[in-house]
Amino acid sequence: MAQKVTINEALALSNFDNLPATSFVRLPVVRGLLGGVSAATVWRMVKAGTLRTHKLTPRTTTFNVGELRSLLAAKAVQ
């Protein structure tokens, strides 16, 4: 099922390069950074250890911007 990209998500994607490495982003931003992959693909990457999550609250899972940049840089080299 295709998910819509909200204005906040589009803004976060467009400003991703300006975010400090210590920032956190949510799942829709990660999906966008990885080329629009499904949420299930992101969770498979978490399970495989490729991505690491951070819990801000019991119901809020986020991803570290610095770690995402490292992952994207490693994929660019391959």
Protein backbone atom coordinates (compact mmCIF):
# COMPACT_ATOMS: atom_id res chain seq x y z
CA MET A 1 0.00 0.00 0.00
CA ALA A 2 1.49 3.32 -1.03
CA GLN A 3 1.82 5.88 1.72
CA LYS A 4 1.55 9.61 1.18
CA VAL A 5 4.46 11.84 2.06
CA THR A 6 3.31 14.63 4.35
CA ILE A 7 4.58 18.19 4.22
CA ASN A 8 6.60 17.60 7.41
CA GLU A 9 8.26 14.52 5.94
CA ALA A 10 9.05 16.32 2.68
CA LEU A 11 10.52 19.21 4.68
CA ALA A 12 12.60 16.82 6.78
CA LEU A 13 13.91 15.14 3.63
CA SER A 14 14.76 18.45 1.98
CA ASN A 15 16.55 19.66 5.13
CA PHE A 16 18.26 16.35 5.95
CA ASP A 17 21.71 17.68 5.02
CA ASN A 18 21.27 20.58 7.45
CA LEU A 19 20.36 18.39 10.43
CA PRO A 20 23.06 17.79 13.05
CA ALA A 21 24.38 14.23 13.28
CA THR A 22 22.84 13.94 16.75
CA SER A 23 19.29 14.52 15.44
CA PHE A 24 16.67 11.82 15.11
CA VAL A 25 14.16 11.20 12.32
CA ARG A 26 11.13 8.96 12.05
CA LEU A 27 10.36 6.03 9.75
CA PRO A 28 8.86 7.97 6.79
CA VAL A 29 12.03 10.04 6.45
CA VAL A 30 14.18 6.88 6.50
CA ARG A 31 11.96 5.35 3.82
CA GLY A 32 12.44 8.44 1.66
CA LEU A 33 16.20 8.46 2.16
CA LEU A 34 16.43 4.84 1.09
CA GLY A 35 14.60 5.49 -2.16
CA GLY A 36 11.01 4.96 -1.07
CA VAL A 37 11.41 1.43 0.27
CA SER A 38 8.54 -0.06 2.23
CA ALA A 39 8.28 0.11 6.00
CA ALA A 40 8.69 -3.67 6.06
CA THR A 41 12.04 -3.33 4.29
CA VAL A 42 13.24 -0.82 6.87
CA TRP A 43 12.21 -3.16 9.70
CA ARG A 44 14.02 -6.05 7.95
CA MET A 45 17.15 -3.88 7.88
CA VAL A 46 16.72 -3.23 11.62
CA LYS A 47 16.33 -6.95 12.29
CA ALA A 48 19.43 -7.71 10.18
CA GLY A 49 21.45 -5.13 12.11
CA THR A 50 21.95 -2.80 9.14
CA LEU A 51 19.95 -0.03 10.85
CA ARG A 52 19.68 0.76 14.54
CA THR A 53 16.63 2.29 16.21
CA HIS A 54 16.38 4.57 19.20
CA LYS A 55 13.32 4.73 21.45
CA LEU A 56 12.48 8.30 22.48
CA THR A 57 9.32 7.15 24.26
CA PRO A 58 7.70 3.72 24.54
CA ARG A 59 5.69 4.48 21.38
CA THR A 60 8.20 6.58 19.43
CA THR A 61 10.94 4.85 17.46
CA THR A 62 13.52 7.02 15.71
CA PHE A 63 16.70 6.71 13.70
CA ASN A 64 19.90 8.70 14.26
CA VAL A 65 20.84 11.08 11.44
CA GLY A 66 24.58 10.43 11.81
CA GLU A 67 24.07 6.67 11.55
CA LEU A 68 21.85 7.13 8.50
CA ARG A 69 24.51 9.28 6.82
CA SER A 70 27.10 6.56 7.47
CA LEU A 71 24.80 3.94 5.96
CA LEU A 72 24.12 6.08 2.89
CA ALA A 73 27.84 6.78 2.44
CA ALA A 74 28.65 3.07 2.67
CA LYS A 75 25.96 2.25 0.09
CA ALA A 76 27.33 4.94 -2.23
CA VAL A 77 30.79 3.34 -2.12
CA GLN A 78 29.49 -0.13 -3.04
